[in-house]
């Protein structure tokens, strides 16, 4: 991580600005991620159904990964834990989030 962003200043709505190739990368298995990337993704997107729908239409080949990630989210996930997952996801992918004009 380069600490180029303050992830708490961003939301998963940021994904709405990304090109298809960026989304394809983000919505796939991350070998360099130290943890459960699908669980992180699902938890981060759990409060953003409009972003998940956008991703389904923009990168249909990633729908199985996306839907599997969302299926991992426990029903008792609270807003604080979802927000933590969101900031962790954005921090991990800060290279894309730090693009000008996304805040």
PDB file of N, CA and C in Angstrom:
ATOM      1  N   UNK A   1       0.833  -1.178   0.000  1.00  0.00           N
ATOM      2  CA  UNK A   1       0.000   0.000   0.000  1.00  0.00           C
ATOM      3  C   UNK A   1       0.883   1.249   0.000  1.00  0.00           C
ATOM      4  N   UNK A   2       0.389   2.244  -0.686  1.00  0.00           N
ATOM      5  CA  UNK A   2       1.149   3.476  -0.796  1.00  0.00           C
ATOM      6  C   UNK A   2       0.575   4.600   0.067  1.00  0.00           C
ATOM      7  N   UNK A   3      -0.617   4.366   0.633  1.00  0.00           N
ATOM      8  CA  UNK A   3      -1.309   5.386   1.418  1.00  0.00           C
ATOM      9  C   UNK A   3      -1.552   6.655   0.615  1.00  0.00           C
ATOM     10  N   UNK A   4      -1.979   6.472  -0.638  1.00  0.00           N
ATOM     11  CA  UNK A   4      -2.282   7.600  -1.507  1.00  0.00           C
ATOM     12  C   UNK A   4      -3.633   8.218  -1.204  1.00  0.00           C
ATOM     13  N   UNK A   5      -4.491   7.454  -0.531  1.00  0.00           N
ATOM     14  CA  UNK A   5      -5.833   7.951  -0.257  1.00  0.00           C
ATOM     15  C   UNK A   5      -6.150   7.798   1.225  1.00  0.00           C
ATOM     16  N   UNK A   6      -7.184   8.477   1.623  1.00  0.00           N
ATOM     17  CA  UNK A   6      -7.795   8.247   2.936  1.00  0.00           C
ATOM     18  C   UNK A   6      -9.099   7.531   2.604  1.00  0.00           C
ATOM     19  N   UNK A   7      -9.107   6.195   2.730  1.00  0.00           N
ATOM     20  CA  UNK A   7     -10.258   5.425   2.235  1.00  0.00           C
ATOM     21  C   UNK A   7     -11.578   5.786   2.897  1.00  0.00           C
ATOM     22  N   UNK A   8     -11.532   6.330   4.094  1.00  0.00           N
ATOM     23  CA  UNK A   8     -12.757   6.745   4.778  1.00  0.00           C
ATOM     24  C   UNK A   8     -13.458   7.899   4.055  1.00  0.00           C
ATOM     25  N   UNK A   9     -12.753   8.556   3.150  1.00  0.00           N
ATOM     26  CA  UNK A   9     -13.334   9.664   2.394  1.00  0.00           C
ATOM     27  C   UNK A   9     -14.022   9.208   1.114  1.00  0.00           C
ATOM     28  N   UNK A  10     -14.023   7.900   0.852  1.00  0.00           N
ATOM     29  CA  UNK A  10     -14.594   7.340  -0.369  1.00  0.00           C
ATOM     30  C   UNK A  10     -15.663   6.305  -0.014  1.00  0.00           C
ATOM     31  N   UNK A  11     -16.477   5.980  -0.997  1.00  0.00           N
ATOM     32  CA  UNK A  11     -17.464   4.914  -0.839  1.00  0.00           C
ATOM     33  C   UNK A  11     -17.345   3.963  -2.024  1.00  0.00           C
ATOM     34  N   UNK A  12     -18.099   2.879  -1.963  1.00  0.00           N
ATOM     35  CA  UNK A  12     -18.083   1.928  -3.073  1.00  0.00           C
ATOM     36  C   UNK A  12     -18.718   2.514  -4.331  1.00  0.00           C
ATOM     37  N   UNK A  13     -19.383   3.657  -4.216  1.00  0.00           N
ATOM     38  CA  UNK A  13     -19.880   4.352  -5.409  1.00  0.00           C
ATOM     39  C   UNK A  13     -18.731   4.699  -6.355  1.00  0.00           C
ATOM     40  N   UNK A  14     -17.527   4.743  -5.845  1.00  0.00           N
ATOM     41  CA  UNK A  14     -16.344   5.002  -6.664  1.00  0.00           C
ATOM     42  C   UNK A  14     -16.268   4.035  -7.837  1.00  0.00           C
ATOM     43  N   UNK A  15     -16.731   2.799  -7.640  1.00  0.00           N
ATOM     44  CA  UNK A  15     -16.670   1.798  -8.701  1.00  0.00           C
ATOM     45  C   UNK A  15     -17.494   2.205  -9.917  1.00  0.00           C
ATOM     46  N   UNK A  16     -18.458   3.087  -9.735  1.00  0.00           N
ATOM     47  CA  UNK A  16     -19.290   3.538 -10.848  1.00  0.00           C
ATOM     48  C   UNK A  16     -18.488   4.341 -11.876  1.00  0.00           C
ATOM     49  N   UNK A  17     -17.328   4.823 -11.494  1.00  0.00           N
ATOM     50  CA  UNK A  17     -16.480   5.610 -12.400  1.00  0.00           C
ATOM     51  C   UNK A  17     -15.477   4.761 -13.173  1.00  0.00           C
ATOM     52  N   UNK A  18     -15.328   3.517 -12.798  1.00  0.00           N
ATOM     53  CA  UNK A  18     -14.258   2.694 -13.355  1.00  0.00           C
ATOM     54  C   UNK A  18     -14.596   2.120 -14.721  1.00  0.00           C
ATOM     55  N   UNK A  19     -13.560   2.004 -15.537  1.00  0.00           N
ATOM     56  CA  UNK A  19     -13.684   1.337 -16.825  1.00  0.00           C
ATOM     57  C   UNK A  19     -13.880  -0.160 -16.613  1.00  0.00           C
ATOM     58  N   UNK A  20     -14.329  -0.792 -17.656  1.00  0.00           N
ATOM     59  CA  UNK A  20     -14.616  -2.219 -17.621  1.00  0.00           C
ATOM     60  C   UNK A  20     -13.404  -3.042 -17.185  1.00  0.00           C
ATOM     61  N   UNK A  21     -12.229  -2.710 -17.704  1.00  0.00           N
ATOM     62  CA  UNK A  21     -11.032  -3.512 -17.397  1.00  0.00           C
ATOM     63  C   UNK A  21     -10.654  -3.417 -15.921  1.00  0.00           C
ATOM     64  N   UNK A  22     -10.902  -2.267 -15.301  1.00  0.00           N
ATOM     65  CA  UNK A  22     -10.617  -2.118 -13.868  1.00  0.00           C
ATOM     66  C   UNK A  22     -11.592  -2.971 -13.063  1.00  0.00           C
ATOM     67  N   UNK A  23     -12.872  -2.899 -13.417  1.00  0.00           N
ATOM     68  CA  UNK A  23     -13.870  -3.703 -12.712  1.00  0.00           C
ATOM     69  C   UNK A  23     -13.593  -5.191 -12.872  1.00  0.00           C
ATOM     70  N   UNK A  24     -13.180  -5.579 -14.055  1.00  0.00           N
ATOM     71  CA  UNK A  24     -12.866  -6.998 -14.292  1.00  0.00           C
ATOM     72  C   UNK A  24     -11.745  -7.450 -13.353  1.00  0.00           C
ATOM     73  N   UNK A  25     -10.776  -6.600 -13.140  1.00  0.00           N
ATOM     74  CA  UNK A  25      -9.688  -6.918 -12.212  1.00  0.00           C
ATOM     75  C   UNK A  25     -10.203  -6.975 -10.769  1.00  0.00           C
ATOM     76  N   UNK A  26     -10.974  -5.978 -10.364  1.00  0.00           N
ATOM     77  CA  UNK A  26     -11.448  -5.897  -8.980  1.00  0.00           C
ATOM     78  C   UNK A  26     -12.415  -7.026  -8.624  1.00  0.00           C
ATOM     79  N   UNK A  27     -13.165  -7.490  -9.616  1.00  0.00           N
ATOM     80  CA  UNK A  27     -14.178  -8.518  -9.391  1.00  0.00           C
ATOM     81  C   UNK A  27     -13.666  -9.900  -9.750  1.00  0.00           C
ATOM     82  N   UNK A  28     -12.418 -10.126  -9.441  1.00  0.00           N
ATOM     83  CA  UNK A  28     -11.813 -11.438  -9.673  1.00  0.00           C
ATOM     84  C   UNK A  28     -10.924 -11.766  -8.482  1.00  0.00           C
ATOM     85  N   UNK A  29     -10.485 -13.000  -8.420  1.00  0.00           N
ATOM     86  CA  UNK A  29      -9.659 -13.436  -7.306  1.00  0.00           C
ATOM     87  C   UNK A  29      -8.358 -12.635  -7.272  1.00  0.00           C
ATOM     88  N   UNK A  30      -7.962 -12.208  -6.086  1.00  0.00           N
ATOM     89  CA  UNK A  30      -6.764 -11.389  -5.905  1.00  0.00           C
ATOM     90  C   UNK A  30      -5.700 -12.220  -5.197  1.00  0.00           C
ATOM     91  N   UNK A  31      -4.745 -12.708  -5.955  1.00  0.00           N
ATOM     92  CA  UNK A  31      -3.708 -13.566  -5.386  1.00  0.00           C
ATOM     93  C   UNK A  31      -2.851 -12.847  -4.355  1.00  0.00           C
ATOM     94  N   UNK A  32      -2.694 -11.537  -4.497  1.00  0.00           N
ATOM     95  CA  UNK A  32      -1.835 -10.789  -3.574  1.00  0.00           C
ATOM     96  C   UNK A  32      -2.556 -10.352  -2.305  1.00  0.00           C
ATOM     97  N   UNK A  33      -3.863 -10.603  -2.207  1.00  0.00           N
ATOM     98  CA  UNK A  33      -4.615 -10.177  -1.040  1.00  0.00           C
ATOM     99  C   UNK A  33      -4.412 -11.165   0.098  1.00  0.00           C
ATOM    100  N   UNK A  34      -4.033 -10.663   1.252  1.00  0.00           N
ATOM    101  CA  UNK A  34      -3.810 -11.496   2.436  1.00  0.00           C
ATOM    102  C   UNK A  34      -5.122 -11.626   3.199  1.00  0.00           C
ATOM    103  N   UNK A  35      -5.975 -12.519   2.773  1.00  0.00           N
ATOM    104  CA  UNK A  35      -7.262 -12.699   3.430  1.00  0.00           C
ATOM    105  C   UNK A  35      -8.283 -13.265   2.471  1.00  0.00           C
ATOM    106  N   UNK A  36      -9.533 -13.110   2.816  1.00  0.00           N
ATOM    107  CA  UNK A  36     -10.637 -13.644   2.028  1.00  0.00           C
ATOM    108  C   UNK A  36     -11.209 -12.537   1.144  1.00  0.00           C
ATOM    109  N   UNK A  37     -10.674 -12.406  -0.065  1.00  0.00           N
ATOM    110  CA  UNK A  37     -11.102 -11.339  -0.965  1.00  0.00           C
ATOM    111  C   UNK A  37     -12.586 -11.411  -1.304  1.00  0.00           C
ATOM    112  N   UNK A  38     -13.143 -12.589  -1.621  1.00  0.00           N
ATOM    113  CA  UNK A  38     -14.579 -12.624  -1.911  1.00  0.00           C
ATOM    114  C   UNK A  38     -15.437 -12.135  -0.737  1.00  0.00           C
ATOM    115  N   UNK A  39     -15.080 -12.510   0.479  1.00  0.00           N
ATOM    116  CA  UNK A  39     -15.834 -12.052   1.650  1.00  0.00           C
ATOM    117  C   UNK A  39     -15.711 -10.537   1.814  1.00  0.00           C
ATOM    118  N   UNK A  40     -14.514 -10.016   1.596  1.00  0.00           N
ATOM    119  CA  UNK A  40     -14.298  -8.577   1.690  1.00  0.00           C
ATOM    120  C   UNK A  40     -15.140  -7.846   0.655  1.00  0.00           C
ATOM    121  N   UNK A  41     -15.094  -8.322  -0.587  1.00  0.00           N
ATOM    122  CA  UNK A  41     -15.863  -7.705  -1.670  1.00  0.00           C
ATOM    123  C   UNK A  41     -17.351  -7.745  -1.366  1.00  0.00           C
ATOM    124  N   UNK A  42     -17.854  -8.912  -0.989  1.00  0.00           N
ATOM    125  CA  UNK A  42     -19.271  -9.041  -0.694  1.00  0.00           C
ATOM    126  C   UNK A  42     -19.705  -8.136   0.441  1.00  0.00           C
ATOM    127  N   UNK A  43     -18.928  -8.104   1.505  1.00  0.00           N
ATOM    128  CA  UNK A  43     -19.253  -7.250   2.646  1.00  0.00           C
ATOM    129  C   UNK A  43     -19.202  -5.776   2.268  1.00  0.00           C
ATOM    130  N   UNK A  44     -18.196  -5.403   1.478  1.00  0.00           N
ATOM    131  CA  UNK A  44     -18.053  -4.010   1.055  1.00  0.00           C
ATOM    132  C   UNK A  44     -19.212  -3.567   0.166  1.00  0.00           C
ATOM    133  N   UNK A  45     -19.709  -4.467  -0.673  1.00  0.00           N
ATOM    134  CA  UNK A  45     -20.803  -4.121  -1.578  1.00  0.00           C
ATOM    135  C   UNK A  45     -22.186  -4.352  -0.974  1.00  0.00           C
ATOM    136  N   UNK A  46     -22.261  -4.917   0.199  1.00  0.00           N
ATOM    137  CA  UNK A  46     -23.547  -5.306   0.775  1.00  0.00           C
ATOM    138  C   UNK A  46     -24.526  -4.152   0.930  1.00  0.00           C
ATOM    139  N   UNK A  47     -24.022  -2.955   1.119  1.00  0.00           N
ATOM    140  CA  UNK A  47     -24.898  -1.779   1.268  1.00  0.00           C
ATOM    141  C   UNK A  47     -25.043  -0.992  -0.034  1.00  0.00           C
ATOM    142  N   UNK A  48     -24.544  -1.548  -1.130  1.00  0.00           N
ATOM    143  CA  UNK A  48     -24.541  -0.845  -2.417  1.00  0.00           C
ATOM    144  C   UNK A  48     -25.107  -1.721  -3.532  1.00  0.00           C
ATOM    145  N   UNK A  49     -26.376  -2.110  -3.448  1.00  0.00           N
ATOM    146  CA  UNK A  49     -26.938  -2.968  -4.502  1.00  0.00           C
ATOM    147  C   UNK A  49     -26.903  -2.316  -5.881  1.00  0.00           C
ATOM    148  N   UNK A  50     -26.981  -1.001  -5.938  1.00  0.00           N
ATOM    149  CA  UNK A  50     -26.919  -0.313  -7.231  1.00  0.00           C
ATOM    150  C   UNK A  50     -25.533  -0.451  -7.861  1.00  0.00           C
ATOM    151  N   UNK A  51     -24.489  -0.491  -7.046  1.00  0.00           N
ATOM    152  CA  UNK A  51     -23.128  -0.679  -7.567  1.00  0.00           C
ATOM    153  C   UNK A  51     -22.961  -2.118  -8.046  1.00  0.00           C
ATOM    154  N   UNK A  52     -23.482  -3.074  -7.284  1.00  0.00           N
ATOM    155  CA  UNK A  52     -23.414  -4.480  -7.704  1.00  0.00           C
ATOM    156  C   UNK A  52     -24.152  -4.667  -9.026  1.00  0.00           C
ATOM    157  N   UNK A  53     -25.323  -4.062  -9.175  1.00  0.00           N
ATOM    158  CA  UNK A  53     -26.065  -4.162 -10.435  1.00  0.00           C
ATOM    159  C   UNK A  53     -25.302  -3.533 -11.590  1.00  0.00           C
ATOM    160  N   UNK A  54     -24.692  -2.387 -11.335  1.00  0.00           N
ATOM    161  CA  UNK A  54     -23.865  -1.735 -12.357  1.00  0.00           C
ATOM    162  C   UNK A  54     -22.748  -2.667 -12.814  1.00  0.00           C
ATOM    163  N   UNK A  55     -22.079  -3.295 -11.853  1.00  0.00           N
ATOM    164  CA  UNK A  55     -20.977  -4.207 -12.174  1.00  0.00           C
ATOM    165  C   UNK A  55     -21.469  -5.414 -12.962  1.00  0.00           C
ATOM    166  N   UNK A  56     -22.640  -5.930 -12.621  1.00  0.00           N
ATOM    167  CA  UNK A  56     -23.210  -7.070 -13.359  1.00  0.00           C
ATOM    168  C   UNK A  56     -23.407  -6.734 -14.826  1.00  0.00           C
ATOM    169  N   UNK A  57     -23.841  -5.521 -15.102  1.00  0.00           N
ATOM    170  CA  UNK A  57     -24.077  -5.112 -16.490  1.00  0.00           C
ATOM    171  C   UNK A  57     -22.781  -4.744 -17.212  1.00  0.00           C
ATOM    172  N   UNK A  58     -21.860  -4.158 -16.494  1.00  0.00           N
ATOM    173  CA  UNK A  58     -20.613  -3.689 -17.113  1.00  0.00           C
ATOM    174  C   UNK A  58     -19.643  -4.836 -17.409  1.00  0.00           C
ATOM    175  N   UNK A  59     -19.592  -5.822 -16.500  1.00  0.00           N
ATOM    176  CA  UNK A  59     -18.680  -6.970 -16.671  1.00  0.00           C
ATOM    177  C   UNK A  59     -19.443  -8.271 -16.393  1.00  0.00           C
ATOM    178  N   UNK A  60     -20.293  -8.677 -17.320  1.00  0.00           N
ATOM    179  CA  UNK A  60     -21.127  -9.857 -17.084  1.00  0.00           C
ATOM    180  C   UNK A  60     -20.337 -11.135 -16.824  1.00  0.00           C
ATOM    181  N   UNK A  61     -19.127 -11.210 -17.313  1.00  0.00           N
ATOM    182  CA  UNK A  61     -18.316 -12.416 -17.069  1.00  0.00           C
ATOM    183  C   UNK A  61     -17.893 -12.541 -15.603  1.00  0.00           C
ATOM    184  N   UNK A  62     -18.024 -11.474 -14.830  1.00  0.00           N
ATOM    185  CA  UNK A  62     -17.664 -11.501 -13.409  1.00  0.00           C
ATOM    186  C   UNK A  62     -18.867 -11.747 -12.504  1.00  0.00           C
ATOM    187  N   UNK A  63     -20.050 -11.907 -13.081  1.00  0.00           N
ATOM    188  CA  UNK A  63     -21.256 -12.113 -12.286  1.00  0.00           C
ATOM    189  C   UNK A  63     -21.130 -13.317 -11.347  1.00  0.00           C
ATOM    190  N   UNK A  64     -20.607 -14.464 -11.793  1.00  0.00           N
ATOM    191  CA  UNK A  64     -20.486 -15.586 -10.853  1.00  0.00           C
ATOM    192  C   UNK A  64     -19.630 -15.256  -9.628  1.00  0.00           C
ATOM    193  N   UNK A  65     -18.502 -14.589  -9.826  1.00  0.00           N
ATOM    194  CA  UNK A  65     -17.630 -14.214  -8.710  1.00  0.00           C
ATOM    195  C   UNK A  65     -18.330 -13.211  -7.794  1.00  0.00           C
ATOM    196  N   UNK A  66     -18.970 -12.222  -8.399  1.00  0.00           N
ATOM    197  CA  UNK A  66     -19.663 -11.181  -7.645  1.00  0.00           C
ATOM    198  C   UNK A  66     -20.808 -11.774  -6.820  1.00  0.00           C
ATOM    199  N   UNK A  67     -21.624 -12.591  -7.453  1.00  0.00           N
ATOM    200  CA  UNK A  67     -22.756 -13.184  -6.742  1.00  0.00           C
ATOM    201  C   UNK A  67     -22.300 -14.138  -5.643  1.00  0.00           C
ATOM    202  N   UNK A  68     -21.224 -14.878  -5.900  1.00  0.00           N
ATOM    203  CA  UNK A  68     -20.683 -15.769  -4.864  1.00  0.00           C
ATOM    204  C   UNK A  68     -20.158 -14.952  -3.688  1.00  0.00           C
ATOM    205  N   UNK A  69     -19.531 -13.819  -3.984  1.00  0.00           N
ATOM    206  CA  UNK A  69     -19.018 -12.948  -2.917  1.00  0.00           C
ATOM    207  C   UNK A  69     -20.166 -12.382  -2.083  1.00  0.00           C
ATOM    208  N   UNK A  70     -21.207 -11.938  -2.738  1.00  0.00           N
ATOM    209  CA  UNK A  70     -22.356 -11.381  -2.011  1.00  0.00           C
ATOM    210  C   UNK A  70     -23.070 -12.454  -1.193  1.00  0.00           C
ATOM    211  N   UNK A  71     -23.056 -13.689  -1.674  1.00  0.00           N
ATOM    212  CA  UNK A  71     -23.703 -14.792  -0.949  1.00  0.00           C
ATOM    213  C   UNK A  71     -22.967 -15.130   0.347  1.00  0.00           C
ATOM    214  N   UNK A  72     -21.709 -14.728   0.460  1.00  0.00           N
ATOM    215  CA  UNK A  72     -20.924 -15.002   1.663  1.00  0.00           C
ATOM    216  C   UNK A  72     -21.244 -14.062   2.826  1.00  0.00           C
ATOM    217  N   UNK A  73     -21.915 -12.969   2.533  1.00  0.00           N
ATOM    218  CA  UNK A  73     -22.172 -11.949   3.555  1.00  0.00           C
ATOM    219  C   UNK A  73     -23.184 -12.480   4.570  1.00  0.00           C
ATOM    220  N   UNK A  74     -22.792 -12.517   5.833  1.00  0.00           N
ATOM    221  CA  UNK A  74     -23.735 -12.996   6.849  1.00  0.00           C
ATOM    222  C   UNK A  74     -24.876 -11.998   7.039  1.00  0.00           C
ATOM    223  N   UNK A  75     -26.084 -12.499   7.261  1.00  0.00           N
ATOM    224  CA  UNK A  75     -27.231 -11.595   7.416  1.00  0.00           C
ATOM    225  C   UNK A  75     -27.090 -10.640   8.604  1.00  0.00           C
ATOM    226  N   UNK A  76     -26.286 -11.017   9.579  1.00  0.00           N
ATOM    227  CA  UNK A  76     -26.131 -10.167  10.769  1.00  0.00           C
ATOM    228  C   UNK A  76     -25.029  -9.111  10.611  1.00  0.00           C
ATOM    229  N   UNK A  77     -24.454  -8.977   9.426  1.00  0.00           N
ATOM    230  CA  UNK A  77     -23.414  -7.967   9.204  1.00  0.00           C
ATOM    231  C   UNK A  77     -23.999  -6.585   9.489  1.00  0.00           C
ATOM    232  N   UNK A  78     -23.387  -5.876  10.426  1.00  0.00           N
ATOM    233  CA  UNK A  78     -23.908  -4.556  10.765  1.00  0.00           C
ATOM    234  C   UNK A  78     -23.253  -3.474   9.912  1.00  0.00           C
ATOM    235  N   UNK A  79     -23.789  -2.277  10.001  1.00  0.00           N
ATOM    236  CA  UNK A  79     -23.320  -1.165   9.174  1.00  0.00           C
ATOM    237  C   UNK A  79     -21.857  -0.835   9.441  1.00  0.00           C
ATOM    238  N   UNK A  80     -21.438  -0.931  10.681  1.00  0.00           N
ATOM    239  CA  UNK A  80     -20.041  -0.626  11.023  1.00  0.00           C
ATOM    240  C   UNK A  80     -19.084  -1.638  10.383  1.00  0.00           C
ATOM    241  N   UNK A  81     -19.416  -2.910  10.436  1.00  0.00           N
ATOM    242  CA  UNK A  81     -18.571  -3.945   9.834  1.00  0.00           C
ATOM    243  C   UNK A  81     -18.574  -3.824   8.305  1.00  0.00           C
ATOM    244  N   UNK A  82     -19.717  -3.487   7.736  1.00  0.00           N
ATOM    245  CA  UNK A  82     -19.800  -3.298   6.283  1.00  0.00           C
ATOM    246  C   UNK A  82     -18.939  -2.113   5.861  1.00  0.00           C
ATOM    247  N   UNK A  83     -18.983  -1.047   6.633  1.00  0.00           N
ATOM    248  CA  UNK A  83     -18.171   0.140   6.318  1.00  0.00           C
ATOM    249  C   UNK A  83     -16.684  -0.177   6.458  1.00  0.00           C
ATOM    250  N   UNK A  84     -16.314  -0.972   7.461  1.00  0.00           N
ATOM    251  CA  UNK A  84     -14.917  -1.361   7.626  1.00  0.00           C
ATOM    252  C   UNK A  84     -14.444  -2.173   6.432  1.00  0.00           C
ATOM    253  N   UNK A  85     -15.282  -3.100   5.963  1.00  0.00           N
ATOM    254  CA  UNK A  85     -14.937  -3.884   4.775  1.00  0.00           C
ATOM    255  C   UNK A  85     -14.777  -2.970   3.564  1.00  0.00           C
ATOM    256  N   UNK A  86     -15.651  -1.999   3.453  1.00  0.00           N
ATOM    257  CA  UNK A  86     -15.596  -1.034   2.356  1.00  0.00           C
ATOM    258  C   UNK A  86     -14.273  -0.266   2.367  1.00  0.00           C
ATOM    259  N   UNK A  87     -13.891   0.276   3.503  1.00  0.00           N
ATOM    260  CA  UNK A  87     -12.636   1.028   3.565  1.00  0.00           C
ATOM    261  C   UNK A  87     -11.430   0.107   3.357  1.00  0.00           C
ATOM    262  N   UNK A  88     -11.500  -1.124   3.855  1.00  0.00           N
ATOM    263  CA  UNK A  88     -10.406  -2.071   3.621  1.00  0.00           C
ATOM    264  C   UNK A  88     -10.269  -2.394   2.136  1.00  0.00           C
ATOM    265  N   UNK A  89     -11.400  -2.601   1.463  1.00  0.00           N
ATOM    266  CA  UNK A  89     -11.388  -2.893   0.026  1.00  0.00           C
ATOM    267  C   UNK A  89     -10.805  -1.710  -0.748  1.00  0.00           C
ATOM    268  N   UNK A  90     -11.267  -0.514  -0.438  1.00  0.00           N
ATOM    269  CA  UNK A  90     -10.785   0.679  -1.139  1.00  0.00           C
ATOM    270  C   UNK A  90      -9.310   0.936  -0.851  1.00  0.00           C
ATOM    271  N   UNK A  91      -8.878   0.682   0.372  1.00  0.00           N
ATOM    272  CA  UNK A  91      -7.467   0.848   0.723  1.00  0.00           C
ATOM    273  C   UNK A  91      -6.603  -0.133  -0.091  1.00  0.00           C
ATOM    274  N   UNK A  92      -7.058  -1.376  -0.177  1.00  0.00           N
ATOM    275  CA  UNK A  92      -6.285  -2.385  -0.906  1.00  0.00           C
ATOM    276  C   UNK A  92      -6.170  -2.033  -2.388  1.00  0.00           C
ATOM    277  N   UNK A  93      -7.199  -1.413  -2.925  1.00  0.00           N
ATOM    278  CA  UNK A  93      -7.212  -1.083  -4.355  1.00  0.00           C
ATOM    279  C   UNK A  93      -7.017   0.418  -4.584  1.00  0.00           C
ATOM    280  N   UNK A  94      -6.238   1.040  -3.715  1.00  0.00           N
ATOM    281  CA  UNK A  94      -6.079   2.493  -3.749  1.00  0.00           C
ATOM    282  C   UNK A  94      -5.479   3.027  -5.042  1.00  0.00           C
ATOM    283  N   UNK A  95      -4.727   2.219  -5.747  1.00  0.00           N
ATOM    284  CA  UNK A  95      -4.128   2.678  -7.004  1.00  0.00           C
ATOM    285  C   UNK A  95      -5.211   3.117  -7.982  1.00  0.00           C
ATOM    286  N   UNK A  96      -6.327   2.416  -8.000  1.00  0.00           N
ATOM    287  CA  UNK A  96      -7.438   2.791  -8.873  1.00  0.00           C
ATOM    288  C   UNK A  96      -8.257   3.925  -8.272  1.00  0.00           C
ATOM    289  N   UNK A  97      -8.446   3.898  -6.962  1.00  0.00           N
ATOM    290  CA  UNK A  97      -9.276   4.880  -6.284  1.00  0.00           C
ATOM    291  C   UNK A  97      -8.627   6.259  -6.305  1.00  0.00           C
ATOM    292  N   UNK A  98      -7.308   6.309  -6.374  1.00  0.00           N
ATOM    293  CA  UNK A  98      -6.605   7.593  -6.307  1.00  0.00           C
ATOM    294  C   UNK A  98      -6.640   8.376  -7.612  1.00  0.00           C
ATOM    295  N   UNK A  99      -7.364   7.888  -8.596  1.00  0.00           N
ATOM    296  CA  UNK A  99      -7.455   8.613  -9.865  1.00  0.00           C
ATOM    297  C   UNK A  99      -8.113   9.975  -9.626  1.00  0.00           C
ATOM    298  N   UNK A 100      -7.650  11.004 -10.303  1.00  0.00           N
ATOM    299  CA  UNK A 100      -8.201  12.347 -10.091  1.00  0.00           C
ATOM    300  C   UNK A 100      -9.691  12.407 -10.364  1.00  0.00           C
ATOM    301  N   UNK A 101     -10.384  13.185  -9.586  1.00  0.00           N
ATOM    302  CA  UNK A 101     -11.790  13.430  -9.803  1.00  0.00           C
ATOM    303  C   UNK A 101     -12.744  12.412  -9.201  1.00  0.00           C
ATOM    304  N   UNK A 102     -12.241  11.464  -8.415  1.00  0.00           N
ATOM    305  CA  UNK A 102     -13.118  10.439  -7.855  1.00  0.00           C
ATOM    306  C   UNK A 102     -13.699  10.802  -6.506  1.00  0.00           C
ATOM    307  N   UNK A 103     -13.282  11.867  -5.937  1.00  0.00           N
ATOM    308  CA  UNK A 103     -13.791  12.228  -4.612  1.00  0.00           C
ATOM    309  C   UNK A 103     -14.833  13.288  -4.727  1.00  0.00           C
TER     310      UNK A 103
END
